[in-house]
Amino acid sequence: SYAVLGFTSAKLSDAVLGAALDKIEAQEFGIQELANVAWSFDVTGDATRLRTFLQAAIPRFVAVDGFSDAAACTDLANIAQLHGTRAAGSEKLDAEFRSRFCRPLVAALQQCADGADGRELMVAVEALEEVVKRIGLTNFGFFFVREAMSELGFEVASQGEAPLAWGKEARAMAKEHMEEWRIPGTENILVVVSYEVWYQGKS
């Protein structure tokens, strides 16, 4: 999509927003479409259109029980929190994401952290695998991951600050164990970063 390429156009964005709002009103947008459009406006930094879209998208998402889709729920809940959205249903979206996905996964991860070597740790890891399969969550998202890491006892650097020592060590371990490039998937994406390219003083 244009958002993946980082392409922005006011005329195109207005058209997308208008069409999306019409489809929401006509109840033609599914769970994934709601999350995808929100993600597109978020990743292109279009905060104004995103806020307008979320006012309609969040109530619709809650109405169609979007919580059945872990990936879509993760995207929308994180975007809503990041932008401080207060739309009808936003509190329910936040509460459901935390109770259905965040808390069970944090609890399972905590069991792994608490487990000793050997049998106890193996049992905890197997339990973690079962939780992941049951709830379908593969990541907390860019907003909630900070809360999850703090709950697990990690010291988390403030937004924009340099990573702490354990973060640097984790990055080094990840690079050491990475395989050669292949098509990205949930099993081999280690981190998501934002970037900006400058050429001759222009972005």
N, C-alpha and C. Protein backbone atom coordinates (compact mmCIF):
# COMPACT_ATOMS: atom_id res chain seq x y z
N SER A 1 0.84 -1.19 0.00
CA SER A 1 0.00 0.00 0.00
C SER A 1 0.87 1.24 0.00
N TYR A 2 0.25 2.40 -0.22
CA TYR A 2 1.01 3.65 -0.24
C TYR A 2 1.66 3.91 1.11
N ALA A 3 1.01 3.46 2.20
CA ALA A 3 1.57 3.70 3.54
C ALA A 3 2.84 2.91 3.75
N VAL A 4 2.91 1.69 3.23
CA VAL A 4 4.12 0.87 3.36
C VAL A 4 5.30 1.56 2.69
N LEU A 5 5.02 2.24 1.58
CA LEU A 5 6.07 2.94 0.85
C LEU A 5 6.37 4.32 1.44
N GLY A 6 5.57 4.73 2.42
CA GLY A 6 5.78 6.04 3.02
C GLY A 6 5.30 7.18 2.14
N PHE A 7 4.45 6.88 1.15
CA PHE A 7 3.95 7.91 0.23
C PHE A 7 2.79 8.67 0.87
N THR A 8 2.82 9.99 0.76
CA THR A 8 1.74 10.80 1.30
C THR A 8 1.20 11.74 0.24
N SER A 9 -0.09 11.91 0.24
CA SER A 9 -0.77 12.82 -0.68
C SER A 9 -2.05 13.27 -0.02
N ALA A 10 -2.23 14.57 0.15
CA ALA A 10 -3.43 15.09 0.81
C ALA A 10 -4.68 14.67 0.07
N LYS A 11 -4.65 14.75 -1.26
CA LYS A 11 -5.83 14.40 -2.05
C LYS A 11 -6.17 12.92 -1.89
N LEU A 12 -5.14 12.07 -1.97
CA LEU A 12 -5.37 10.63 -1.81
C LEU A 12 -5.85 10.32 -0.40
N SER A 13 -5.23 10.94 0.62
CA SER A 13 -5.62 10.67 2.01
C SER A 13 -7.06 11.10 2.28
N ASP A 14 -7.47 12.24 1.71
CA ASP A 14 -8.85 12.68 1.86
C ASP A 14 -9.81 11.68 1.24
N ALA A 15 -9.43 11.16 0.07
CA ALA A 15 -10.28 10.18 -0.61
C ALA A 15 -10.39 8.89 0.19
N VAL A 16 -9.25 8.45 0.73
CA VAL A 16 -9.24 7.22 1.54
C VAL A 16 -10.10 7.40 2.79
N LEU A 17 -9.92 8.54 3.46
CA LEU A 17 -10.69 8.80 4.68
C LEU A 17 -12.17 8.85 4.39
N GLY A 18 -12.56 9.56 3.35
CA GLY A 18 -13.97 9.67 3.00
C GLY A 18 -14.59 8.31 2.68
N ALA A 19 -13.87 7.53 1.88
CA ALA A 19 -14.38 6.20 1.52
C ALA A 19 -14.47 5.29 2.74
N ALA A 20 -13.47 5.38 3.61
CA ALA A 20 -13.46 4.54 4.81
C ALA A 20 -14.62 4.89 5.74
N LEU A 21 -14.87 6.17 5.92
CA LEU A 21 -15.98 6.59 6.79
C LEU A 21 -17.32 6.17 6.20
N ASP A 22 -17.44 6.24 4.88
CA ASP A 22 -18.68 5.80 4.22
C ASP A 22 -18.91 4.30 4.44
N LYS A 23 -17.82 3.52 4.32
CA LYS A 23 -17.95 2.07 4.48
C LYS A 23 -18.26 1.70 5.93
N ILE A 24 -17.70 2.47 6.88
CA ILE A 24 -18.01 2.21 8.29
C ILE A 24 -19.49 2.49 8.54
N GLU A 25 -19.98 3.59 8.00
CA GLU A 25 -21.39 3.94 8.19
C GLU A 25 -22.30 2.90 7.55
N ALA A 26 -21.87 2.36 6.42
CA ALA A 26 -22.66 1.33 5.73
C ALA A 26 -22.43 -0.06 6.32
N GLN A 27 -21.58 -0.14 7.35
CA GLN A 27 -21.25 -1.40 8.02
C GLN A 27 -20.64 -2.42 7.06
N GLU A 28 -19.78 -1.91 6.17
CA GLU A 28 -19.14 -2.77 5.18
C GLU A 28 -17.67 -3.04 5.50
N PHE A 29 -17.15 -2.37 6.53
CA PHE A 29 -15.76 -2.57 6.90
C PHE A 29 -15.62 -3.67 7.92
N GLY A 30 -14.70 -4.61 7.67
CA GLY A 30 -14.45 -5.67 8.62
C GLY A 30 -13.39 -5.27 9.63
N ILE A 31 -13.07 -6.19 10.53
CA ILE A 31 -12.12 -5.93 11.61
C ILE A 31 -10.75 -5.54 11.07
N GLN A 32 -10.23 -6.32 10.13
CA GLN A 32 -8.89 -6.07 9.61
C GLN A 32 -8.81 -4.76 8.85
N GLU A 33 -9.87 -4.42 8.11
CA GLU A 33 -9.86 -3.16 7.36
C GLU A 33 -9.80 -1.96 8.29
N LEU A 34 -10.51 -2.03 9.41
CA LEU A 34 -10.49 -0.94 10.39
C LEU A 34 -9.07 -0.72 10.92
N ALA A 35 -8.40 -1.81 11.26
CA ALA A 35 -7.04 -1.71 11.79
C ALA A 35 -6.06 -1.26 10.71
N ASN A 36 -6.25 -1.74 9.49
CA ASN A 36 -5.32 -1.39 8.41
C ASN A 36 -5.34 0.09 8.08
N VAL A 37 -6.53 0.67 8.01
CA VAL A 37 -6.63 2.10 7.69
C VAL A 37 -6.03 2.94 8.82
N ALA A 38 -6.31 2.55 10.06
CA ALA A 38 -5.72 3.26 11.21
C ALA A 38 -4.20 3.18 11.15
N TRP A 39 -3.68 2.00 10.85
CA TRP A 39 -2.23 1.82 10.75
C TRP A 39 -1.66 2.71 9.65
N SER A 40 -2.34 2.80 8.51
CA SER A 40 -1.85 3.59 7.39
C SER A 40 -1.73 5.07 7.76
N PHE A 41 -2.76 5.61 8.40
CA PHE A 41 -2.69 7.02 8.81
C PHE A 41 -1.63 7.23 9.89
N ASP A 42 -1.46 6.24 10.75
CA ASP A 42 -0.47 6.36 11.82
C ASP A 42 0.94 6.33 11.25
N VAL A 43 1.23 5.39 10.38
CA VAL A 43 2.59 5.21 9.88
C VAL A 43 3.01 6.36 8.97
N THR A 44 2.05 7.05 8.36
CA THR A 44 2.38 8.20 7.51
C THR A 44 2.35 9.51 8.29
N GLY A 45 2.10 9.41 9.61
CA GLY A 45 2.13 10.60 10.45
C GLY A 45 0.97 11.54 10.23
N ASP A 46 -0.15 11.01 9.74
CA ASP A 46 -1.32 11.85 9.44
C ASP A 46 -2.25 11.87 10.65
N ALA A 47 -1.83 12.58 11.69
CA ALA A 47 -2.55 12.55 12.97
C ALA A 47 -3.96 13.13 12.88
N THR A 48 -4.14 14.15 12.07
CA THR A 48 -5.47 14.80 11.96
C THR A 48 -6.50 13.84 11.37
N ARG A 49 -6.16 13.23 10.25
CA ARG A 49 -7.11 12.28 9.63
C ARG A 49 -7.25 11.04 10.49
N LEU A 50 -6.18 10.63 11.15
CA LEU A 50 -6.26 9.46 12.03
C LEU A 50 -7.26 9.69 13.15
N ARG A 51 -7.20 10.84 13.78
CA ARG A 51 -8.14 11.13 14.88
C ARG A 51 -9.58 11.09 14.38
N THR A 52 -9.82 11.67 13.20
CA THR A 52 -11.17 11.64 12.62
C THR A 52 -11.62 10.21 12.36
N PHE A 53 -10.71 9.42 11.80
CA PHE A 53 -11.04 8.03 11.48
C PHE A 53 -11.32 7.22 12.75
N LEU A 54 -10.49 7.39 13.79
CA LEU A 54 -10.66 6.61 15.01
C LEU A 54 -11.98 6.89 15.71
N GLN A 55 -12.51 8.10 15.57
CA GLN A 55 -13.79 8.43 16.20
C GLN A 55 -14.90 7.55 15.66
N ALA A 56 -14.77 7.12 14.40
CA ALA A 56 -15.77 6.23 13.80
C ALA A 56 -15.34 4.76 13.88
N ALA A 57 -14.04 4.53 13.77
CA ALA A 57 -13.53 3.16 13.69
C ALA A 57 -13.62 2.41 15.01
N ILE A 58 -13.30 3.06 16.12
CA ILE A 58 -13.28 2.36 17.41
C ILE A 58 -14.68 1.87 17.82
N PRO A 59 -15.71 2.72 17.74
CA PRO A 59 -17.06 2.20 18.07
C PRO A 59 -17.46 1.02 17.18
N ARG A 60 -17.11 1.10 15.90
CA ARG A 60 -17.44 0.00 14.97
C ARG A 60 -16.67 -1.26 15.34
N PHE A 61 -15.40 -1.10 15.67
CA PHE A 61 -14.55 -2.23 16.05
C PHE A 61 -15.13 -2.95 17.27
N VAL A 62 -15.55 -2.17 18.26
CA VAL A 62 -16.14 -2.74 19.47
C VAL A 62 -17.47 -3.43 19.14
N ALA A 63 -18.25 -2.80 18.27
CA ALA A 63 -19.58 -3.34 17.94
C ALA A 63 -19.51 -4.69 17.24
N VAL A 64 -18.45 -4.90 16.41
CA VAL A 64 -18.33 -6.17 15.68
C VAL A 64 -17.42 -7.15 16.42
N ASP A 65 -17.13 -6.86 17.70
CA ASP A 65 -16.29 -7.74 18.52
C ASP A 65 -14.94 -7.99 17.84
N GLY A 66 -14.26 -6.88 17.53
CA GLY A 66 -12.95 -6.99 16.90
C GLY A 66 -11.90 -7.67 17.74
N PHE A 67 -12.23 -7.93 19.00
CA PHE A 67 -11.27 -8.57 19.90
C PHE A 67 -11.00 -10.02 19.51
N SER A 68 -11.79 -10.55 18.59
CA SER A 68 -11.55 -11.92 18.14
C SER A 68 -10.32 -12.00 17.23
N ASP A 69 -9.84 -10.87 16.75
CA ASP A 69 -8.65 -10.81 15.89
C ASP A 69 -7.53 -10.17 16.69
N ALA A 70 -6.61 -10.99 17.18
CA ALA A 70 -5.54 -10.48 18.05
C ALA A 70 -4.66 -9.44 17.37
N ALA A 71 -4.30 -9.68 16.10
CA ALA A 71 -3.41 -8.74 15.40
C ALA A 71 -4.09 -7.40 15.19
N ALA A 72 -5.34 -7.40 14.74
CA ALA A 72 -6.07 -6.15 14.51
C ALA A 72 -6.29 -5.41 15.82
N CYS A 73 -6.62 -6.16 16.86
CA CYS A 73 -6.85 -5.55 18.17
C CYS A 73 -5.56 -4.92 18.70
N THR A 74 -4.45 -5.60 18.50
CA THR A 74 -3.15 -5.06 18.93
C THR A 74 -2.85 -3.74 18.24
N ASP A 75 -3.03 -3.71 16.93
CA ASP A 75 -2.76 -2.48 16.18
C ASP A 75 -3.65 -1.33 16.64
N LEU A 76 -4.95 -1.57 16.70
CA LEU A 76 -5.88 -0.48 17.02
C LEU A 76 -5.73 -0.01 18.46
N ALA A 77 -5.54 -0.92 19.40
CA ALA A 77 -5.40 -0.55 20.80
C ALA A 77 -4.13 0.27 21.02
N ASN A 78 -3.04 -0.12 20.36
CA ASN A 78 -1.79 0.62 20.50
C ASN A 78 -1.87 2.00 19.86
N ILE A 79 -2.47 2.08 18.69
CA ILE A 79 -2.60 3.37 18.00
C ILE A 79 -3.49 4.31 18.81
N ALA A 80 -4.59 3.79 19.34
CA ALA A 80 -5.49 4.62 20.13
C ALA A 80 -4.78 5.17 21.37
N GLN A 81 -4.00 4.34 22.03
CA GLN A 81 -3.27 4.79 23.22
C GLN A 81 -2.19 5.79 22.86
N LEU A 82 -1.46 5.53 21.80
CA LEU A 82 -0.36 6.40 21.40
C LEU A 82 -0.84 7.81 21.10
N HIS A 83 -2.04 7.91 20.52
CA HIS A 83 -2.57 9.22 20.14
C HIS A 83 -3.57 9.77 21.15
N GLY A 84 -3.71 9.10 22.28
CA GLY A 84 -4.59 9.60 23.33
C GLY A 84 -6.03 9.72 22.89
N THR A 85 -6.48 8.79 22.07
CA THR A 85 -7.83 8.87 21.51
C THR A 85 -8.90 8.59 22.56
N ARG A 86 -9.90 9.45 22.60
CA ARG A 86 -11.03 9.26 23.51
C ARG A 86 -12.31 9.23 22.68
N ALA A 87 -12.54 8.09 22.04
CA ALA A 87 -13.75 7.91 21.24
C ALA A 87 -14.69 6.99 22.00
N ALA A 88 -15.93 6.95 21.56
CA ALA A 88 -16.88 6.02 22.14
C ALA A 88 -16.34 4.60 21.98
N GLY A 89 -16.22 3.88 23.07
CA GLY A 89 -15.71 2.51 23.02
C GLY A 89 -14.22 2.39 23.25
N SER A 90 -13.50 3.52 23.37
CA SER A 90 -12.05 3.44 23.54
C SER A 90 -11.67 2.80 24.88
N GLU A 91 -12.45 3.06 25.92
CA GLU A 91 -12.15 2.45 27.22
C GLU A 91 -12.36 0.95 27.17
N LYS A 92 -13.40 0.52 26.45
CA LYS A 92 -13.65 -0.92 26.32
C LYS A 92 -12.56 -1.58 25.48
N LEU A 93 -12.12 -0.91 24.43
CA LEU A 93 -11.03 -1.43 23.61
C LEU A 93 -9.79 -1.65 24.46
N ASP A 94 -9.45 -0.65 25.27
CA ASP A 94 -8.27 -0.74 26.13
C ASP A 94 -8.42 -1.87 27.16
N ALA A 95 -9.58 -1.93 27.81
CA ALA A 95 -9.81 -2.93 28.85
C ALA A 95 -9.79 -4.35 28.28
N GLU A 96 -10.42 -4.53 27.12
CA GLU A 96 -10.48 -5.87 26.52
C GLU A 96 -9.10 -6.32 26.05
N PHE A 97 -8.32 -5.39 25.47
CA PHE A 97 -6.98 -5.76 25.01
C PHE A 97 -6.11 -6.18 26.19
N ARG A 98 -6.20 -5.44 27.27
CA ARG A 98 -5.41 -5.78 28.44
C ARG A 98 -5.82 -7.13 29.03
N SER A 99 -7.13 -7.35 29.19
CA SER A 99 -7.59 -8.56 29.87
C SER A 99 -7.48 -9.81 29.00
N ARG A 100 -7.76 -9.67 27.71
CA ARG A 100 -7.74 -10.84 26.82
C ARG A 100 -6.34 -11.23 26.36
N PHE A 101 -5.48 -10.23 26.20
CA PHE A 101 -4.18 -10.48 25.58
C PHE A 101 -2.99 -10.14 26.47
N CYS A 102 -2.92 -8.91 26.95
CA CYS A 102 -1.72 -8.48 27.69
C CYS A 102 -1.50 -9.27 28.96
N ARG A 103 -2.51 -9.30 29.83
CA ARG A 103 -2.31 -9.93 31.14
C ARG A 103 -2.00 -11.42 31.04
N PRO A 104 -2.72 -12.19 30.23
CA PRO A 104 -2.36 -13.62 30.14
C PRO A 104 -0.93 -13.85 29.64
N LEU A 105 -0.50 -13.04 28.67
CA LEU A 105 0.84 -13.24 28.14
C LEU A 105 1.92 -12.78 29.12
N VAL A 106 1.68 -11.66 29.81
CA VAL A 106 2.63 -11.21 30.83
C VAL A 106 2.76 -12.25 31.93
N ALA A 107 1.62 -12.82 32.36
CA ALA A 107 1.64 -13.84 33.41
C ALA A 107 2.44 -15.06 32.98
N ALA A 108 2.26 -15.48 31.72
CA ALA A 108 2.99 -16.64 31.22
C ALA A 108 4.48 -16.35 31.10
N LEU A 109 4.82 -15.15 30.67
CA LEU A 109 6.24 -14.76 30.58
C LEU A 109 6.86 -14.68 31.97
N GLN A 110 6.07 -14.22 32.94
CA GLN A 110 6.58 -14.12 34.31
C GLN A 110 6.89 -15.50 34.87
N GLN A 111 6.08 -16.48 34.50
CA GLN A 111 6.34 -17.86 34.95
C GLN A 111 7.67 -18.36 34.39
N CYS A 112 7.97 -17.98 33.15
CA CYS A 112 9.26 -18.37 32.56
C CYS A 112 10.41 -17.68 33.29
N ALA A 113 10.21 -16.40 33.61
CA ALA A 113 11.26 -15.66 34.30
C ALA A 113 11.49 -16.20 35.70
N ASP A 114 10.43 -16.67 36.35
CA ASP A 114 10.53 -17.19 37.71
C ASP A 114 11.04 -18.62 37.77
N GLY A 115 10.90 -19.34 36.65
CA GLY A 115 11.24 -20.75 36.64
C GLY A 115 12.74 -21.00 36.80
N ALA A 116 13.07 -22.03 37.50
CA ALA A 116 14.48 -22.41 37.65
C ALA A 116 14.92 -23.19 36.41
N ASP A 117 16.19 -23.58 36.38
CA ASP A 117 16.66 -24.41 35.27
C ASP A 117 16.00 -25.78 35.34
N GLY A 118 15.92 -26.41 34.18
CA GLY A 118 15.44 -27.78 34.16
C GLY A 118 13.94 -27.89 33.99
N ARG A 119 13.35 -28.83 34.75
CA ARG A 119 11.95 -29.21 34.56
C ARG A 119 10.98 -28.05 34.73
N GLU A 120 11.15 -27.23 35.76
CA GLU A 120 10.24 -26.13 36.01
C GLU A 120 10.22 -25.16 34.84
N LEU A 121 11.38 -24.86 34.29
CA LEU A 121 11.46 -23.93 33.17
C LEU A 121 10.82 -24.53 31.92
N MET A 122 11.03 -25.82 31.69
CA MET A 122 10.42 -26.48 30.53
C MET A 122 8.91 -26.42 30.61
N VAL A 123 8.37 -26.66 31.79
CA VAL A 123 6.92 -26.61 31.98
C VAL A 123 6.41 -25.19 31.73
N ALA A 124 7.14 -24.19 32.22
CA ALA A 124 6.74 -22.79 32.04
C ALA A 124 6.77 -22.40 30.56
N VAL A 125 7.78 -22.85 29.83
CA VAL A 125 7.88 -22.53 28.40
C VAL A 125 6.74 -23.20 27.63
N GLU A 126 6.42 -24.44 27.98
CA GLU A 126 5.29 -25.12 27.33
C GLU A 126 3.99 -24.40 27.61
N ALA A 127 3.83 -23.91 28.83
CA ALA A 127 2.63 -23.15 29.18
C ALA A 127 2.56 -21.85 28.39
N LEU A 128 3.71 -21.21 28.19
CA LEU A 128 3.77 -19.98 27.39
C LEU A 128 3.34 -20.26 25.96
N GLU A 129 3.81 -21.35 25.39
CA GLU A 129 3.44 -21.71 24.03
C GLU A 129 1.94 -21.92 23.91
N GLU A 130 1.35 -22.54 24.91
CA GLU A 130 -0.09 -22.78 24.90
C GLU A 130 -0.87 -21.46 24.97
N VAL A 131 -0.40 -20.54 25.79
CA VAL A 131 -1.06 -19.24 25.91
C VAL A 131 -1.00 -18.49 24.58
N VAL A 132 0.18 -18.50 23.95
CA VAL A 132 0.34 -17.81 22.67
C VAL A 132 -0.60 -18.41 21.62
N LYS A 133 -0.70 -19.72 21.58
CA LYS A 133 -1.59 -20.38 20.63
C LYS A 133 -3.05 -20.05 20.91
N ARG A 134 -3.39 -20.04 22.20
CA ARG A 134 -4.80 -19.82 22.58
C ARG A 134 -5.26 -18.40 22.29
N ILE A 135 -4.46 -17.40 22.66
CA ILE A 135 -4.90 -16.02 22.49
C ILE A 135 -4.47 -15.42 21.15
N GLY A 136 -3.48 -16.04 20.50
CA GLY A 136 -3.06 -15.59 19.18
C GLY A 136 -2.23 -14.33 19.17
N LEU A 137 -1.69 -13.93 20.31
CA LEU A 137 -0.91 -12.70 20.39
C LEU A 137 0.57 -13.00 20.18
N THR A 138 1.20 -12.31 19.22
CA THR A 138 2.62 -12.52 18.96
C THR A 138 3.47 -11.34 19.40
N ASN A 139 2.84 -10.21 19.73
CA ASN A 139 3.58 -9.05 20.25
C ASN A 139 2.61 -8.14 20.99
N PHE A 140 3.14 -7.31 21.88
CA PHE A 140 2.31 -6.40 22.66
C PHE A 140 2.00 -5.11 21.91
N GLY A 141 2.77 -4.80 20.89
CA GLY A 141 2.62 -3.52 20.20
C GLY A 141 3.53 -2.47 20.80
N PHE A 142 3.77 -1.41 20.04
CA PHE A 142 4.78 -0.43 20.42
C PHE A 142 4.44 0.37 21.66
N PHE A 143 3.18 0.48 22.03
CA PHE A 143 2.82 1.21 23.25
C PHE A 143 2.80 0.27 24.46
N PHE A 144 2.09 -0.82 24.35
CA PHE A 144 1.90 -1.71 25.50
C PHE A 144 3.14 -2.52 25.86
N VAL A 145 4.08 -2.65 24.94
CA VAL A 145 5.29 -3.43 25.26
C VAL A 145 6.07 -2.78 26.39
N ARG A 146 6.03 -1.46 26.49
CA ARG A 146 6.76 -0.78 27.55
C ARG A 146 6.15 -1.12 28.92
N GLU A 147 4.83 -1.16 28.98
CA GLU A 147 4.16 -1.55 30.22
C GLU A 147 4.48 -3.00 30.57
N ALA A 148 4.42 -3.87 29.56
CA ALA A 148 4.67 -5.29 29.79
C ALA A 148 6.09 -5.52 30.30
N MET A 149 7.06 -4.87 29.69
CA MET A 149 8.45 -5.04 30.12
C MET A 149 8.65 -4.54 31.55
N SER A 150 8.00 -3.44 31.89
CA SER A 150 8.11 -2.91 33.25
C SER A 150 7.51 -3.89 34.25
N GLU A 151 6.35 -4.47 33.91
CA GLU A 151 5.71 -5.44 34.80
C GLU A 151 6.58 -6.67 35.00
N LEU A 152 7.36 -7.00 34.00
CA LEU A 152 8.23 -8.17 34.08
C LEU A 152 9.55 -7.87 34.80
N GLY A 153 9.70 -6.63 35.26
CA GLY A 153 10.87 -6.28 36.05
C GLY A 153 12.01 -5.65 35.28
N PHE A 154 11.80 -5.34 34.01
CA PHE A 154 12.85 -4.71 33.22
C PHE A 154 12.84 -3.20 33.47
N GLU A 155 14.03 -2.62 33.52
CA GLU A 155 14.13 -1.17 33.57
C GLU A 155 14.03 -0.67 32.13
N VAL A 156 13.07 0.19 31.88
CA VAL A 156 12.79 0.64 30.51
C VAL A 156 13.22 2.09 30.35
N ALA A 157 13.98 2.36 29.31
CA ALA A 157 14.41 3.74 29.03
C ALA A 157 13.22 4.57 28.58
N SER A 158 13.25 5.85 28.89
CA SER A 158 12.20 6.75 28.46
C SER A 158 12.23 6.88 26.94
N GLN A 159 11.08 7.25 26.37
CA GLN A 159 10.97 7.38 24.93
C GLN A 159 12.02 8.37 24.42
N GLY A 160 12.78 7.96 23.41
CA GLY A 160 13.78 8.84 22.82
C GLY A 160 15.16 8.73 23.44
N GLU A 161 15.26 8.06 24.59
CA GLU A 161 16.56 7.91 25.23
C GLU A 161 17.30 6.70 24.68
N ALA A 162 18.60 6.68 24.89
CA ALA A 162 19.43 5.55 24.44
C ALA A 162 19.04 4.29 25.20
N PRO A 163 19.12 3.12 24.56
CA PRO A 163 18.77 1.88 25.25
C PRO A 163 19.69 1.61 26.43
N LEU A 164 19.15 0.94 27.43
CA LEU A 164 19.93 0.58 28.60
C LEU A 164 20.85 -0.60 28.27
N ALA A 165 21.70 -0.96 29.23
CA ALA A 165 22.72 -1.99 28.99
C ALA A 165 22.09 -3.31 28.55
N TRP A 166 20.99 -3.72 29.22
CA TRP A 166 20.39 -5.01 28.86
C TRP A 166 19.81 -4.97 27.44
N GLY A 167 19.34 -3.78 27.03
CA GLY A 167 18.81 -3.64 25.68
C GLY A 167 19.89 -3.79 24.63
N LYS A 168 21.06 -3.20 24.90
CA LYS A 168 22.19 -3.34 23.98
C LYS A 168 22.64 -4.79 23.90
N GLU A 169 22.66 -5.45 25.06
CA GLU A 169 23.06 -6.86 25.09
C GLU A 169 22.07 -7.73 24.31
N ALA A 170 20.78 -7.44 24.47
CA ALA A 170 19.75 -8.20 23.76
C ALA A 170 19.88 -8.01 22.25
N ARG A 171 20.16 -6.78 21.83
CA ARG A 171 20.34 -6.52 20.40
C ARG A 171 21.52 -7.30 19.85
N ALA A 172 22.63 -7.33 20.62
CA ALA A 172 23.82 -8.05 20.17
C ALA A 172 23.53 -9.54 20.04
N MET A 173 22.77 -10.09 21.01
CA MET A 173 22.41 -11.51 20.96
C MET A 173 21.51 -11.80 19.78
N ALA A 174 20.57 -10.88 19.50
CA ALA A 174 19.65 -11.07 18.38
C ALA A 174 20.42 -11.10 17.06
N LYS A 175 21.36 -10.16 16.90
CA LYS A 175 22.16 -10.12 15.67
C LYS A 175 23.00 -11.38 15.52
N GLU A 176 23.51 -11.88 16.64
CA GLU A 176 24.35 -13.07 16.61
C GLU A 176 23.58 -14.30 16.15
N HIS A 177 22.30 -14.36 16.54
CA HIS A 177 21.51 -15.55 16.25
C HIS A 177 20.60 -15.41 15.03
N MET A 178 20.63 -14.26 14.38
CA MET A 178 19.78 -14.07 13.21
C MET A 178 20.23 -14.95 12.06
N GLU A 179 19.25 -15.46 11.32
CA GLU A 179 19.55 -16.26 10.16
C GLU A 179 19.75 -15.32 8.97
N GLU A 180 20.14 -15.88 7.84
CA GLU A 180 20.24 -15.05 6.64
C GLU A 180 18.84 -14.59 6.25
N TRP A 181 18.76 -13.52 5.47
CA TRP A 181 17.47 -12.90 5.18
C TRP A 181 16.51 -13.88 4.54
N ARG A 182 15.25 -13.80 4.96
CA ARG A 182 14.16 -14.51 4.30
C ARG A 182 12.91 -13.67 4.47
N ILE A 183 11.84 -14.08 3.85
CA ILE A 183 10.60 -13.29 3.90
C ILE A 183 10.20 -13.07 5.36
N PRO A 184 10.00 -11.81 5.77
CA PRO A 184 9.66 -11.54 7.18
C PRO A 184 8.35 -12.21 7.59
N GLY A 185 8.32 -12.70 8.81
CA GLY A 185 7.13 -13.32 9.37
C GLY A 185 7.14 -13.17 10.87
N THR A 186 6.08 -13.63 11.52
CA THR A 186 5.99 -13.46 12.97
C THR A 186 7.08 -14.23 13.71
N GLU A 187 7.70 -15.21 13.04
CA GLU A 187 8.71 -16.01 13.73
C GLU A 187 10.11 -15.42 13.60
N ASN A 188 10.31 -14.44 12.72
CA ASN A 188 11.68 -13.93 12.55
C ASN A 188 11.78 -12.41 12.56
N ILE A 189 10.69 -11.70 12.85
CA ILE A 189 10.78 -10.25 13.03
C ILE A 189 11.17 -9.99 14.48
N LEU A 190 12.34 -9.40 14.67
CA LEU A 190 12.85 -9.18 16.02
C LEU A 190 12.49 -7.81 16.56
N VAL A 191 12.45 -6.81 15.69
CA VAL A 191 12.15 -5.45 16.14
C VAL A 191 11.66 -4.65 14.94
N VAL A 192 10.85 -3.65 15.21
CA VAL A 192 10.36 -2.75 14.17
C VAL A 192 10.90 -1.36 14.48
N VAL A 193 11.50 -0.72 13.49
CA VAL A 193 12.07 0.61 13.71
C VAL A 193 11.50 1.58 12.66
N SER A 194 11.57 2.85 12.98
CA SER A 194 11.21 3.87 12.00
C SER A 194 12.49 4.50 11.48
N TYR A 195 12.46 5.00 10.26
CA TYR A 195 13.66 5.59 9.70
C TYR A 195 13.26 6.70 8.72
N GLU A 196 14.21 7.56 8.44
CA GLU A 196 13.99 8.64 7.48
C GLU A 196 15.24 8.76 6.64
N VAL A 197 15.08 8.87 5.33
CA VAL A 197 16.22 8.94 4.42
C VAL A 197 16.39 10.38 3.95
N TRP A 198 17.62 10.88 4.05
CA TRP A 198 17.95 12.23 3.58
C TRP A 198 18.94 12.13 2.44
N TYR A 199 18.72 12.94 1.40
CA TYR A 199 19.65 12.99 0.27
C TYR A 199 19.81 14.44 -0.14
N GLN A 200 21.04 14.94 -0.08
CA GLN A 200 21.35 16.32 -0.41
C GLN A 200 20.46 17.31 0.35
N GLY A 201 20.30 17.03 1.64
CA GLY A 201 19.55 17.93 2.50
C GLY A 201 18.05 17.84 2.41
N LYS A 202 17.54 16.88 1.63
CA LYS A 202 16.09 16.73 1.47
C LYS A 202 15.67 15.35 1.95
N SER A 203 14.50 15.29 2.58
CA SER A 203 14.01 13.99 3.06
C SER A 203 13.04 13.40 2.05
